[in-house]
Structure formats: C-alpha cells, structure tokens
Amino acid sequence: MILDNLALLAEGRIDDLAEICDGTPDDVRAALVTIRGLDPKPGMAFAASEMPVLPPDLCLTRGADGWKVDLNRSVLPGLRVTAGPESAGDAAARARLSSARSRAHWPVRAVEGGRQRFC
C-alpha cells in the first residue's frame, strides 16, 4: 500500500498513509525503515566483474587527405621459431633439420612482411 501511494509519502502525509494502510503512523515509519534498508539493485550482487579494457585492433588518424586506418602493431600476434637440437647424428638428419628450420621460418617471415605492408 505504501508503494502504491508514494505521492502521499512525498508530501509527508504519514497520517493519511497510515489510514490507507489500516495502521498507525509508527507502523508506516517502521515499514519505511524496512523499505529504505532494501537494496534497490539486488541483481548487482550477481553481476560479473568489470570487463578489462583491451587495446584497439585499429588506429584511426585524421590527416589532410582524410582518415587513415592502421593496424595496431602491439596487438598483432607474433610468431617465433624455438631453437631445436643444434646438431643431428648423420648428414641426412642434419639436412632434414636444416630443411625443417627453413620451412618453420617461412610463416614468421610472411607475418612480419604482412605487418610492414599494412602498417
């Protein structure tokens, strides 16, 4: 009943509100204490933590010719080839190892070349 008659509460007419609620002004004041103690946003207790602010993928700059869009180099993925065994047993194994290293470096060079082309 109190919530249905908030206009009376805003005007400070506690006695009229008590009469509508079939109670005393002290009953209305006690109910108001209870209502004011409630959480107005109870769902916030279950809210996820704030999302982290991530760096942008693109950088926009305004120039004399208009807008320029560049990739943000700091967020581009990086590739690297970790060192393998320095030597192998026989000549055929060394040749396979050398060939594998060359093939492994190709994607790294391709990604690095692409970064230079776009940025």
PDB file of N, CA and C in Angstrom:
ATOM      1  N   MET A   1       0.833  -1.196   0.000  1.00  0.00           N
ATOM      2  CA  MET A   1       0.000   0.000   0.000  1.00  0.00           C
ATOM      3  C   MET A   1       0.874   1.255   0.000  1.00  0.00           C
ATOM      4  N   ILE A   2       1.995   1.203   0.714  1.00  0.00           N
ATOM      5  CA  ILE A   2       2.862   2.383   0.753  1.00  0.00           C
ATOM      6  C   ILE A   2       3.394   2.690  -0.640  1.00  0.00           C
ATOM      7  N   LEU A   3       3.847   1.655  -1.334  1.00  0.00           N
ATOM      8  CA  LEU A   3       4.404   1.868  -2.664  1.00  0.00           C
ATOM      9  C   LEU A   3       3.347   2.333  -3.660  1.00  0.00           C
ATOM     10  N   ASP A   4       2.102   1.958  -3.443  1.00  0.00           N
ATOM     11  CA  ASP A   4       1.029   2.397  -4.324  1.00  0.00           C
ATOM     12  C   ASP A   4       0.639   3.853  -4.070  1.00  0.00           C
ATOM     13  N   ASN A   5       1.084   4.405  -2.949  1.00  0.00           N
ATOM     14  CA  ASN A   5       0.719   5.777  -2.567  1.00  0.00           C
ATOM     15  C   ASN A   5       1.968   6.607  -2.281  1.00  0.00           C
ATOM     16  N   LEU A   6       2.918   6.542  -3.148  1.00  0.00           N
ATOM     17  CA  LEU A   6       4.163   7.276  -2.947  1.00  0.00           C
ATOM     18  C   LEU A   6       3.967   8.784  -2.987  1.00  0.00           C
ATOM     19  N   ALA A   7       2.930   9.249  -3.660  1.00  0.00           N
ATOM     20  CA  ALA A   7       2.658  10.688  -3.699  1.00  0.00           C
ATOM     21  C   ALA A   7       2.372  11.212  -2.294  1.00  0.00           C
ATOM     22  N   LEU A   8       1.614  10.425  -1.506  1.00  0.00           N
ATOM     23  CA  LEU A   8       1.343  10.846  -0.122  1.00  0.00           C
ATOM     24  C   LEU A   8       2.629  10.867   0.690  1.00  0.00           C
ATOM     25  N   LEU A   9       3.475   9.901   0.467  1.00  0.00           N
ATOM     26  CA  LEU A   9       4.755   9.827   1.178  1.00  0.00           C
ATOM     27  C   LEU A   9       5.627  11.026   0.809  1.00  0.00           C
ATOM     28  N   ALA A  10       5.653  11.394  -0.473  1.00  0.00           N
ATOM     29  CA  ALA A  10       6.453  12.531  -0.919  1.00  0.00           C
ATOM     30  C   ALA A  10       5.957  13.833  -0.312  1.00  0.00           C
ATOM     31  N   GLU A  11       4.676  13.926  -0.085  1.00  0.00           N
ATOM     32  CA  GLU A  11       4.102  15.132   0.522  1.00  0.00           C
ATOM     33  C   GLU A  11       4.236  15.117   2.045  1.00  0.00           C
ATOM     34  N   GLY A  12       4.711  14.005   2.602  1.00  0.00           N
ATOM     35  CA  GLY A  12       4.880  13.908   4.054  1.00  0.00           C
ATOM     36  C   GLY A  12       3.592  13.631   4.802  1.00  0.00           C
ATOM     37  N   ARG A  13       2.592  13.102   4.124  1.00  0.00           N
ATOM     38  CA  ARG A  13       1.289  12.848   4.744  1.00  0.00           C
ATOM     39  C   ARG A  13       1.263  11.439   5.317  1.00  0.00           C
ATOM     40  N   ILE A  14       2.052  11.240   6.368  1.00  0.00           N
ATOM     41  CA  ILE A  14       2.184   9.933   7.004  1.00  0.00           C
ATOM     42  C   ILE A  14       0.863   9.495   7.635  1.00  0.00           C
ATOM     43  N   ASP A  15       0.140  10.449   8.227  1.00  0.00           N
ATOM     44  CA  ASP A  15      -1.128  10.097   8.871  1.00  0.00           C
ATOM     45  C   ASP A  15      -2.135   9.574   7.840  1.00  0.00           C
ATOM     46  N   ASP A  16      -2.230  10.226   6.687  1.00  0.00           N
ATOM     47  CA  ASP A  16      -3.154   9.767   5.649  1.00  0.00           C
ATOM     48  C   ASP A  16      -2.722   8.396   5.115  1.00  0.00           C
ATOM     49  N   LEU A  17      -1.426   8.225   4.971  1.00  0.00           N
ATOM     50  CA  LEU A  17      -0.894   6.948   4.502  1.00  0.00           C
ATOM     51  C   LEU A  17      -1.180   5.841   5.516  1.00  0.00           C
ATOM     52  N   ALA A  18      -1.075   6.149   6.809  1.00  0.00           N
ATOM     53  CA  ALA A  18      -1.374   5.159   7.853  1.00  0.00           C
ATOM     54  C   ALA A  18      -2.841   4.761   7.812  1.00  0.00           C
ATOM     55  N   GLU A  19      -3.687   5.722   7.540  1.00  0.00           N
ATOM     56  CA  GLU A  19      -5.122   5.429   7.480  1.00  0.00           C
ATOM     57  C   GLU A  19      -5.423   4.506   6.297  1.00  0.00           C
ATOM     58  N   ILE A  20      -4.790   4.758   5.143  1.00  0.00           N
ATOM     59  CA  ILE A  20      -4.998   3.912   3.969  1.00  0.00           C
ATOM     60  C   ILE A  20      -4.489   2.496   4.233  1.00  0.00           C
ATOM     61  N   CYS A  21      -3.384   2.392   4.968  1.00  0.00           N
ATOM     62  CA  CYS A  21      -2.756   1.093   5.239  1.00  0.00           C
ATOM     63  C   CYS A  21      -3.395   0.374   6.426  1.00  0.00           C
ATOM     64  N   ASP A  22      -4.374   0.993   7.036  1.00  0.00           N
ATOM     65  CA  ASP A  22      -5.023   0.399   8.210  1.00  0.00           C
ATOM     66  C   ASP A  22      -4.030   0.184   9.336  1.00  0.00           C
ATOM     67  N   GLY A  23      -3.213   1.204   9.608  1.00  0.00           N
ATOM     68  CA  GLY A  23      -2.218   1.096  10.662  1.00  0.00           C
ATOM     69  C   GLY A  23      -2.008   2.438  11.326  1.00  0.00           C
ATOM     70  N   THR A  24      -0.960   2.515  12.095  1.00  0.00           N
ATOM     71  CA  THR A  24      -0.624   3.758  12.794  1.00  0.00           C
ATOM     72  C   THR A  24       0.531   4.436  12.057  1.00  0.00           C
ATOM     73  N   PRO A  25       0.738   5.708  12.325  1.00  0.00           N
ATOM     74  CA  PRO A  25       1.892   6.378  11.726  1.00  0.00           C
ATOM     75  C   PRO A  25       3.219   5.698  12.094  1.00  0.00           C
ATOM     76  N   ASP A  26       3.300   5.143  13.292  1.00  0.00           N
ATOM     77  CA  ASP A  26       4.521   4.418  13.681  1.00  0.00           C
ATOM     78  C   ASP A  26       4.707   3.160  12.828  1.00  0.00           C
ATOM     79  N   ASP A  27       3.610   2.495  12.469  1.00  0.00           N
ATOM     80  CA  ASP A  27       3.697   1.327  11.579  1.00  0.00           C
ATOM     81  C   ASP A  27       4.246   1.732  10.208  1.00  0.00           C
ATOM     82  N   VAL A  28       3.759   2.887   9.714  1.00  0.00           N
ATOM     83  CA  VAL A  28       4.222   3.373   8.406  1.00  0.00           C
ATOM     84  C   VAL A  28       5.701   3.728   8.495  1.00  0.00           C
ATOM     85  N   ARG A  29       6.134   4.392   9.550  1.00  0.00           N
ATOM     86  CA  ARG A  29       7.548   4.754   9.719  1.00  0.00           C
ATOM     87  C   ARG A  29       8.425   3.502   9.810  1.00  0.00           C
ATOM     88  N   ALA A  30       7.948   2.473  10.506  1.00  0.00           N
ATOM     89  CA  ALA A  30       8.704   1.218  10.606  1.00  0.00           C
ATOM     90  C   ALA A  30       8.807   0.548   9.234  1.00  0.00           C
ATOM     91  N   ALA A  31       7.709   0.580   8.469  1.00  0.00           N
ATOM     92  CA  ALA A  31       7.738  -0.001   7.123  1.00  0.00           C
ATOM     93  C   ALA A  31       8.708   0.787   6.234  1.00  0.00           C
ATOM     94  N   LEU A  32       8.743   2.112   6.383  1.00  0.00           N
ATOM     95  CA  LEU A  32       9.662   2.931   5.598  1.00  0.00           C
ATOM     96  C   LEU A  32      11.120   2.625   5.934  1.00  0.00           C
ATOM     97  N   VAL A  33      11.403   2.375   7.191  1.00  0.00           N
ATOM     98  CA  VAL A  33      12.766   1.997   7.587  1.00  0.00           C
ATOM     99  C   VAL A  33      13.157   0.692   6.890  1.00  0.00           C
ATOM    100  N   THR A  34      12.230  -0.255   6.858  1.00  0.00           N
ATOM    101  CA  THR A  34      12.492  -1.538   6.199  1.00  0.00           C
ATOM    102  C   THR A  34      12.695  -1.345   4.693  1.00  0.00           C
ATOM    103  N   ILE A  35      11.819  -0.541   4.087  1.00  0.00           N
ATOM    104  CA  ILE A  35      11.912  -0.303   2.637  1.00  0.00           C
ATOM    105  C   ILE A  35      13.221   0.396   2.295  1.00  0.00           C
ATOM    106  N   ARG A  36      13.600   1.390   3.087  1.00  0.00           N
ATOM    107  CA  ARG A  36      14.848   2.112   2.813  1.00  0.00           C
ATOM    108  C   ARG A  36      16.081   1.229   3.008  1.00  0.00           C
ATOM    109  N   GLY A  37      15.961   0.177   3.787  1.00  0.00           N
ATOM    110  CA  GLY A  37      17.083  -0.740   4.014  1.00  0.00           C
ATOM    111  C   GLY A  37      17.257  -1.771   2.906  1.00  0.00           C
ATOM    112  N   LEU A  38      16.286  -1.845   1.991  1.00  0.00           N
ATOM    113  CA  LEU A  38      16.373  -2.807   0.894  1.00  0.00           C
ATOM    114  C   LEU A  38      17.351  -2.315  -0.175  1.00  0.00           C
ATOM    115  N   ASP A  39      17.929  -3.256  -0.879  1.00  0.00           N
ATOM    116  CA  ASP A  39      18.861  -2.939  -1.963  1.00  0.00           C
ATOM    117  C   ASP A  39      18.056  -2.601  -3.216  1.00  0.00           C
ATOM    118  N   PRO A  40      18.225  -1.392  -3.786  1.00  0.00           N
ATOM    119  CA  PRO A  40      17.459  -1.033  -4.973  1.00  0.00           C
ATOM    120  C   PRO A  40      17.888  -1.792  -6.230  1.00  0.00           C
ATOM    121  N   LYS A  41      19.078  -2.387  -6.205  1.00  0.00           N
ATOM    122  CA  LYS A  41      19.574  -3.152  -7.356  1.00  0.00           C
ATOM    123  C   LYS A  41      20.097  -4.504  -6.872  1.00  0.00           C
ATOM    124  N   PRO A  42      19.220  -5.401  -6.485  1.00  0.00           N
ATOM    125  CA  PRO A  42      19.686  -6.669  -5.912  1.00  0.00           C
ATOM    126  C   PRO A  42      20.431  -7.560  -6.906  1.00  0.00           C
ATOM    127  N   GLY A  43      20.187  -7.399  -8.176  1.00  0.00           N
ATOM    128  CA  GLY A  43      20.868  -8.218  -9.178  1.00  0.00           C
ATOM    129  C   GLY A  43      22.347  -7.891  -9.303  1.00  0.00           C
ATOM    130  N   MET A  44      22.762  -6.729  -8.832  1.00  0.00           N
ATOM    131  CA  MET A  44      24.169  -6.344  -8.931  1.00  0.00           C
ATOM    132  C   MET A  44      25.072  -7.284  -8.124  1.00  0.00           C
ATOM    133  N   ALA A  45      24.524  -7.964  -7.142  1.00  0.00           N
ATOM    134  CA  ALA A  45      25.323  -8.908  -6.356  1.00  0.00           C
ATOM    135  C   ALA A  45      25.768 -10.086  -7.221  1.00  0.00           C
ATOM    136  N   PHE A  46      25.049 -10.343  -8.301  1.00  0.00           N
ATOM    137  CA  PHE A  46      25.373 -11.462  -9.176  1.00  0.00           C
ATOM    138  C   PHE A  46      26.057 -11.018 -10.467  1.00  0.00           C
ATOM    139  N   ALA A  47      26.303  -9.727 -10.591  1.00  0.00           N
ATOM    140  CA  ALA A  47      26.903  -9.203 -11.826  1.00  0.00           C
ATOM    141  C   ALA A  47      28.353  -9.660 -11.929  1.00  0.00           C
ATOM    142  N   ALA A  48      28.774  -9.843 -13.153  1.00  0.00           N
ATOM    143  CA  ALA A  48      30.162 -10.222 -13.399  1.00  0.00           C
ATOM    144  C   ALA A  48      31.058  -9.017 -13.128  1.00  0.00           C
ATOM    145  N   SER A  49      32.307  -9.301 -12.878  1.00  0.00           N
ATOM    146  CA  SER A  49      33.243  -8.211 -12.651  1.00  0.00           C
ATOM    147  C   SER A  49      33.397  -7.411 -13.945  1.00  0.00           C
ATOM    148  N   GLU A  50      33.937  -6.222 -13.814  1.00  0.00           N
ATOM    149  CA  GLU A  50      34.078  -5.369 -14.983  1.00  0.00           C
ATOM    150  C   GLU A  50      34.972  -6.018 -16.019  1.00  0.00           C
ATOM    151  N   MET A  51      34.604  -5.826 -17.254  1.00  0.00           N
ATOM    152  CA  MET A  51      35.396  -6.363 -18.345  1.00  0.00           C
ATOM    153  C   MET A  51      36.676  -5.543 -18.478  1.00  0.00           C
ATOM    154  N   PRO A  52      37.773  -6.209 -18.758  1.00  0.00           N
ATOM    155  CA  PRO A  52      39.013  -5.451 -18.922  1.00  0.00           C
ATOM    156  C   PRO A  52      38.957  -4.599 -20.194  1.00  0.00           C
ATOM    157  N   VAL A  53      39.636  -3.484 -20.150  1.00  0.00           N
ATOM    158  CA  VAL A  53      39.705  -2.623 -21.324  1.00  0.00           C
ATOM    159  C   VAL A  53      40.856  -3.128 -22.185  1.00  0.00           C
ATOM    160  N   LEU A  54      40.533  -3.579 -23.371  1.00  0.00           N
ATOM    161  CA  LEU A  54      41.520  -4.139 -24.280  1.00  0.00           C
ATOM    162  C   LEU A  54      41.986  -3.083 -25.266  1.00  0.00           C
ATOM    163  N   PRO A  55      43.212  -3.189 -25.721  1.00  0.00           N
ATOM    164  CA  PRO A  55      43.687  -2.211 -26.707  1.00  0.00           C
ATOM    165  C   PRO A  55      42.966  -2.406 -28.034  1.00  0.00           C
ATOM    166  N   PRO A  56      42.831  -1.343 -28.814  1.00  0.00           N
ATOM    167  CA  PRO A  56      42.107  -1.456 -30.089  1.00  0.00           C
ATOM    168  C   PRO A  56      42.929  -2.205 -31.132  1.00  0.00           C
ATOM    169  N   ASP A  57      42.234  -2.840 -32.070  1.00  0.00           N
ATOM    170  CA  ASP A  57      42.891  -3.535 -33.179  1.00  0.00           C
ATOM    171  C   ASP A  57      43.336  -2.550 -34.258  1.00  0.00           C
ATOM    172  N   LEU A  58      42.627  -1.439 -34.371  1.00  0.00           N
ATOM    173  CA  LEU A  58      42.911  -0.454 -35.410  1.00  0.00           C
ATOM    174  C   LEU A  58      43.178   0.902 -34.789  1.00  0.00           C
ATOM    175  N   CYS A  59      44.008   1.692 -35.455  1.00  0.00           N
ATOM    176  CA  CYS A  59      44.292   3.061 -35.031  1.00  0.00           C
ATOM    177  C   CYS A  59      43.820   3.993 -36.140  1.00  0.00           C
ATOM    178  N   LEU A  60      43.003   4.960 -35.798  1.00  0.00           N
ATOM    179  CA  LEU A  60      42.475   5.919 -36.763  1.00  0.00           C
ATOM    180  C   LEU A  60      43.146   7.268 -36.542  1.00  0.00           C
ATOM    181  N   THR A  61      43.613   7.871 -37.613  1.00  0.00           N
ATOM    182  CA  THR A  61      44.190   9.210 -37.532  1.00  0.00           C
ATOM    183  C   THR A  61      43.609  10.045 -38.664  1.00  0.00           C
ATOM    184  N   ARG A  62      43.352  11.302 -38.352  1.00  0.00           N
ATOM    185  CA  ARG A  62      42.810  12.207 -39.363  1.00  0.00           C
ATOM    186  C   ARG A  62      43.966  12.992 -39.957  1.00  0.00           C
ATOM    187  N   GLY A  63      44.061  12.962 -41.247  1.00  0.00           N
ATOM    188  CA  GLY A  63      45.100  13.691 -41.951  1.00  0.00           C
ATOM    189  C   GLY A  63      44.481  14.698 -42.907  1.00  0.00           C
ATOM    190  N   ALA A  64      45.336  15.351 -43.670  1.00  0.00           N
ATOM    191  CA  ALA A  64      44.859  16.349 -44.632  1.00  0.00           C
ATOM    192  C   ALA A  64      44.004  15.705 -45.716  1.00  0.00           C
ATOM    193  N   ASP A  65      44.317  14.442 -46.046  1.00  0.00           N
ATOM    194  CA  ASP A  65      43.576  13.740 -47.106  1.00  0.00           C
ATOM    195  C   ASP A  65      42.376  12.965 -46.588  1.00  0.00           C
ATOM    196  N   GLY A  66      42.122  13.009 -45.298  1.00  0.00           N
ATOM    197  CA  GLY A  66      41.010  12.254 -44.715  1.00  0.00           C
ATOM    198  C   GLY A  66      41.506  11.323 -43.628  1.00  0.00           C
ATOM    199  N   TRP A  67      40.730  10.308 -43.358  1.00  0.00           N
ATOM    200  CA  TRP A  67      41.050   9.363 -42.289  1.00  0.00           C
ATOM    201  C   TRP A  67      42.018   8.296 -42.784  1.00  0.00           C
ATOM    202  N   LYS A  68      42.919   7.899 -41.914  1.00  0.00           N
ATOM    203  CA  LYS A  68      43.873   6.827 -42.211  1.00  0.00           C
ATOM    204  C   LYS A  68      43.680   5.731 -41.163  1.00  0.00           C
ATOM    205  N   VAL A  69      43.584   4.503 -41.605  1.00  0.00           N
ATOM    206  CA  VAL A  69      43.389   3.364 -40.714  1.00  0.00           C
ATOM    207  C   VAL A  69      44.651   2.513 -40.735  1.00  0.00           C
ATOM    208  N   ASP A  70      45.207   2.260 -39.548  1.00  0.00           N
ATOM    209  CA  ASP A  70      46.396   1.413 -39.413  1.00  0.00           C
ATOM    210  C   ASP A  70      46.108   0.310 -38.417  1.00  0.00           C
ATOM    211  N   LEU A  71      46.762  -0.816 -38.624  1.00  0.00           N
ATOM    212  CA  LEU A  71      46.683  -1.890 -37.641  1.00  0.00           C
ATOM    213  C   LEU A  71      47.499  -1.501 -36.420  1.00  0.00           C
ATOM    214  N   ASN A  72      47.012  -1.830 -35.250  1.00  0.00           N
ATOM    215  CA  ASN A  72      47.751  -1.592 -34.017  1.00  0.00           C
ATOM    216  C   ASN A  72      48.780  -2.706 -33.868  1.00  0.00           C
ATOM    217  N   ARG A  73      50.030  -2.400 -34.085  1.00  0.00           N
ATOM    218  CA  ARG A  73      51.079  -3.425 -34.079  1.00  0.00           C
ATOM    219  C   ARG A  73      51.207  -4.126 -32.732  1.00  0.00           C
ATOM    220  N   SER A  74      50.881  -3.437 -31.668  1.00  0.00           N
ATOM    221  CA  SER A  74      51.079  -4.050 -30.348  1.00  0.00           C
ATOM    222  C   SER A  74      50.136  -5.209 -30.079  1.00  0.00           C
ATOM    223  N   VAL A  75      49.035  -5.319 -30.832  1.00  0.00           N
ATOM    224  CA  VAL A  75      48.091  -6.410 -30.586  1.00  0.00           C
ATOM    225  C   VAL A  75      48.156  -7.499 -31.650  1.00  0.00           C
ATOM    226  N   LEU A  76      49.003  -7.329 -32.633  1.00  0.00           N
ATOM    227  CA  LEU A  76      49.119  -8.359 -33.660  1.00  0.00           C
ATOM    228  C   LEU A  76      49.804  -9.593 -33.080  1.00  0.00           C
ATOM    229  N   PRO A  77      49.385 -10.762 -33.506  1.00  0.00           N
ATOM    230  CA  PRO A  77      50.026 -11.971 -32.983  1.00  0.00           C
ATOM    231  C   PRO A  77      51.456 -12.069 -33.495  1.00  0.00           C
ATOM    232  N   GLY A  78      52.274 -12.670 -32.712  1.00  0.00           N
ATOM    233  CA  GLY A  78      53.657 -12.858 -33.109  1.00  0.00           C
ATOM    234  C   GLY A  78      53.975 -14.331 -33.266  1.00  0.00           C
ATOM    235  N   LEU A  79      54.900 -14.609 -34.153  1.00  0.00           N
ATOM    236  CA  LEU A  79      55.357 -15.979 -34.364  1.00  0.00           C
ATOM    237  C   LEU A  79      56.850 -16.021 -34.107  1.00  0.00           C
ATOM    238  N   ARG A  80      57.283 -17.125 -33.611  1.00  0.00           N
ATOM    239  CA  ARG A  80      58.714 -17.331 -33.449  1.00  0.00           C
ATOM    240  C   ARG A  80      58.993 -18.816 -33.554  1.00  0.00           C
ATOM    241  N   VAL A  81      60.194 -19.106 -33.930  1.00  0.00           N
ATOM    242  CA  VAL A  81      60.625 -20.494 -34.044  1.00  0.00           C
ATOM    243  C   VAL A  81      61.616 -20.730 -32.918  1.00  0.00           C
ATOM    244  N   THR A  82      61.306 -21.702 -32.082  1.00  0.00           N
ATOM    245  CA  THR A  82      62.219 -22.006 -30.991  1.00  0.00           C
ATOM    246  C   THR A  82      63.359 -22.867 -31.511  1.00  0.00           C
ATOM    247  N   ALA A  83      64.472 -22.723 -30.869  1.00  0.00           N
ATOM    248  CA  ALA A  83      65.653 -23.474 -31.295  1.00  0.00           C
ATOM    249  C   ALA A  83      65.463 -24.958 -31.001  1.00  0.00           C
ATOM    250  N   GLY A  84      65.840 -25.752 -31.948  1.00  0.00           N
ATOM    251  CA  GLY A  84      65.776 -27.198 -31.774  1.00  0.00           C
ATOM    252  C   GLY A  84      67.173 -27.711 -31.467  1.00  0.00           C
ATOM    253  N   PRO A  85      67.377 -28.966 -31.678  1.00  0.00           N
ATOM    254  CA  PRO A  85      68.717 -29.505 -31.437  1.00  0.00           C
ATOM    255  C   PRO A  85      69.723 -28.862 -32.392  1.00  0.00           C
ATOM    256  N   GLU A  86      70.881 -28.550 -31.880  1.00  0.00           N
ATOM    257  CA  GLU A  86      71.903 -27.886 -32.678  1.00  0.00           C
ATOM    258  C   GLU A  86      72.536 -28.809 -33.713  1.00  0.00           C
ATOM    259  N   SER A  87      72.609 -30.064 -33.401  1.00  0.00           N
ATOM    260  CA  SER A  87      73.237 -30.974 -34.360  1.00  0.00           C
ATOM    261  C   SER A  87      72.464 -32.283 -34.374  1.00  0.00           C
ATOM    262  N   ALA A  88      72.602 -32.951 -35.465  1.00  0.00           N
ATOM    263  CA  ALA A  88      71.969 -34.262 -35.597  1.00  0.00           C
ATOM    264  C   ALA A  88      73.064 -35.285 -35.876  1.00  0.00           C
ATOM    265  N   GLY A  89      72.712 -36.542 -35.809  1.00  0.00           N
ATOM    266  CA  GLY A  89      73.703 -37.607 -35.925  1.00  0.00           C
ATOM    267  C   GLY A  89      74.378 -37.707 -37.274  1.00  0.00           C
ATOM    268  N   ASP A  90      73.656 -37.958 -38.318  1.00  0.00           N
ATOM    269  CA  ASP A  90      74.286 -38.177 -39.622  1.00  0.00           C
ATOM    270  C   ASP A  90      73.948 -37.035 -40.578  1.00  0.00           C
ATOM    271  N   ALA A  91      74.500 -37.062 -41.770  1.00  0.00           N
ATOM    272  CA  ALA A  91      74.316 -35.991 -42.745  1.00  0.00           C
ATOM    273  C   ALA A  91      72.857 -35.872 -43.178  1.00  0.00           C
ATOM    274  N   ALA A  92      72.175 -36.988 -43.337  1.00  0.00           N
ATOM    275  CA  ALA A  92      70.773 -36.955 -43.760  1.00  0.00           C
ATOM    276  C   ALA A  92      69.911 -36.297 -42.677  1.00  0.00           C
ATOM    277  N   ALA A  93      70.180 -36.584 -41.416  1.00  0.00           N
ATOM    278  CA  ALA A  93      69.418 -35.989 -40.314  1.00  0.00           C
ATOM    279  C   ALA A  93      69.682 -34.489 -40.250  1.00  0.00           C
ATOM    280  N   ARG A  94      70.940 -34.073 -40.478  1.00  0.00           N
ATOM    281  CA  ARG A  94      71.267 -32.645 -40.468  1.00  0.00           C
ATOM    282  C   ARG A  94      70.556 -31.936 -41.621  1.00  0.00           C
ATOM    283  N   ALA A  95      70.475 -32.572 -42.762  1.00  0.00           N
ATOM    284  CA  ALA A  95      69.794 -31.975 -43.913  1.00  0.00           C
ATOM    285  C   ALA A  95      68.301 -31.820 -43.635  1.00  0.00           C
ATOM    286  N   ARG A  96      67.677 -32.841 -43.031  1.00  0.00           N
ATOM    287  CA  ARG A  96      66.243 -32.746 -42.672  1.00  0.00           C
ATOM    288  C   ARG A  96      66.020 -31.641 -41.647  1.00  0.00           C
ATOM    289  N   LEU A  97      66.921 -31.526 -40.678  1.00  0.00           N
ATOM    290  CA  LEU A  97      66.804 -30.500 -39.643  1.00  0.00           C
ATOM    291  C   LEU A  97      66.916 -29.104 -40.256  1.00  0.00           C
ATOM    292  N   SER A  98      67.860 -28.919 -41.163  1.00  0.00           N
ATOM    293  CA  SER A  98      68.038 -27.639 -41.832  1.00  0.00           C
ATOM    294  C   SER A  98      66.817 -27.294 -42.676  1.00  0.00           C
ATOM    295  N   SER A  99      66.288 -28.264 -43.386  1.00  0.00           N
ATOM    296  CA  SER A  99      65.096 -28.048 -44.205  1.00  0.00           C
ATOM    297  C   SER A  99      63.887 -27.693 -43.329  1.00  0.00           C
ATOM    298  N   ALA A 100      63.749 -28.384 -42.208  1.00  0.00           N
ATOM    299  CA  ALA A 100      62.628 -28.116 -41.296  1.00  0.00           C
ATOM    300  C   ALA A 100      62.725 -26.707 -40.726  1.00  0.00           C
ATOM    301  N   ARG A 101      63.932 -26.267 -40.384  1.00  0.00           N
ATOM    302  CA  ARG A 101      64.106 -24.905 -39.855  1.00  0.00           C
ATOM    303  C   ARG A 101      63.737 -23.875 -40.918  1.00  0.00           C
ATOM    304  N   SER A 102      64.144 -24.107 -42.149  1.00  0.00           N
ATOM    305  CA  SER A 102      63.809 -23.172 -43.232  1.00  0.00           C
ATOM    306  C   SER A 102      62.295 -23.078 -43.417  1.00  0.00           C
ATOM    307  N   ARG A 103      61.627 -24.229 -43.426  1.00  0.00           N
ATOM    308  CA  ARG A 103      60.161 -24.231 -43.577  1.00  0.00           C
ATOM    309  C   ARG A 103      59.499 -23.563 -42.379  1.00  0.00           C
ATOM    310  N   ALA A 104      60.050 -23.716 -41.193  1.00  0.00           N
ATOM    311  CA  ALA A 104      59.465 -23.130 -39.989  1.00  0.00           C
ATOM    312  C   ALA A 104      59.603 -21.609 -39.992  1.00  0.00           C
ATOM    313  N   HIS A 105      60.664 -21.093 -40.580  1.00  0.00           N
ATOM    314  CA  HIS A 105      60.853 -19.642 -40.606  1.00  0.00           C
ATOM    315  C   HIS A 105      60.006 -18.956 -41.671  1.00  0.00           C
ATOM    316  N   TRP A 106      59.506 -19.701 -42.655  1.00  0.00           N
ATOM    317  CA  TRP A 106      58.719 -19.093 -43.713  1.00  0.00           C
ATOM    318  C   TRP A 106      57.466 -18.386 -43.178  1.00  0.00           C
ATOM    319  N   PRO A 107      56.637 -18.998 -42.321  1.00  0.00           N
ATOM    320  CA  PRO A 107      55.454 -18.277 -41.807  1.00  0.00           C
ATOM    321  C   PRO A 107      55.835 -17.041 -41.000  1.00  0.00           C
ATOM    322  N   VAL A 108      56.948 -17.105 -40.278  1.00  0.00           N
ATOM    323  CA  VAL A 108      57.383 -15.942 -39.496  1.00  0.00           C
ATOM    324  C   VAL A 108      57.698 -14.787 -40.443  1.00  0.00           C
ATOM    325  N   ARG A 109      58.434 -15.060 -41.499  1.00  0.00           N
ATOM    326  CA  ARG A 109      58.766 -14.008 -42.464  1.00  0.00           C
ATOM    327  C   ARG A 109      57.504 -13.485 -43.147  1.00  0.00           C
ATOM    328  N   ALA A 110      56.567 -14.359 -43.439  1.00  0.00           N
ATOM    329  CA  ALA A 110      55.321 -13.937 -44.092  1.00  0.00           C
ATOM    330  C   ALA A 110      54.521 -13.004 -43.187  1.00  0.00           C
ATOM    331  N   VAL A 111      54.419 -13.341 -41.906  1.00  0.00           N
ATOM    332  CA  VAL A 111      53.676 -12.495 -40.966  1.00  0.00           C
ATOM    333  C   VAL A 111      54.384 -11.157 -40.791  1.00  0.00           C
ATOM    334  N   GLU A 112      55.694 -11.185 -40.625  1.00  0.00           N
ATOM    335  CA  GLU A 112      56.437  -9.940 -40.458  1.00  0.00           C
ATOM    336  C   GLU A 112      56.331  -9.065 -41.703  1.00  0.00           C
ATOM    337  N   GLY A 113      56.383  -9.674 -42.887  1.00  0.00           N
ATOM    338  CA  GLY A 113      56.219  -8.909 -44.120  1.00  0.00           C
ATOM    339  C   GLY A 113      54.835  -8.306 -44.237  1.00  0.00           C
ATOM    340  N   GLY A 114      53.835  -9.040 -43.794  1.00  0.00           N
ATOM    341  CA  GLY A 114      52.465  -8.527 -43.809  1.00  0.00           C
ATOM    342  C   GLY A 114      52.282  -7.368 -42.865  1.00  0.00           C
ATOM    343  N   ARG A 115      52.956  -7.417 -41.737  1.00  0.00           N
ATOM    344  CA  ARG A 115      52.874  -6.295 -40.789  1.00  0.00           C
ATOM    345  C   ARG A 115      53.441  -5.032 -41.412  1.00  0.00           C
ATOM    346  N   GLN A 116      54.559  -5.157 -42.101  1.00  0.00           N
ATOM    347  CA  GLN A 116      55.177  -3.981 -42.707  1.00  0.00           C
ATOM    348  C   GLN A 116      54.308  -3.430 -43.827  1.00  0.00           C
ATOM    349  N   ARG A 117      53.654  -4.302 -44.561  1.00  0.00           N
ATOM    350  CA  ARG A 117      52.817  -3.875 -45.671  1.00  0.00           C
ATOM    351  C   ARG A 117      51.598  -3.110 -45.165  1.00  0.00           C
ATOM    352  N   PHE A 118      50.996  -3.544 -44.035  1.00  0.00           N
ATOM    353  CA  PHE A 118      49.778  -2.903 -43.540  1.00  0.00           C
ATOM    354  C   PHE A 118      50.060  -1.688 -42.665  1.00  0.00           C
ATOM    355  N   CYS A 119      51.159  -1.682 -41.968  1.00  0.00           N
ATOM    356  CA  CYS A 119      51.420  -0.577 -41.038  1.00  0.00           C
ATOM    357  C   CYS A 119      52.483   0.273 -41.616  1.00  0.00           C
TER     358      CYS A 119
END
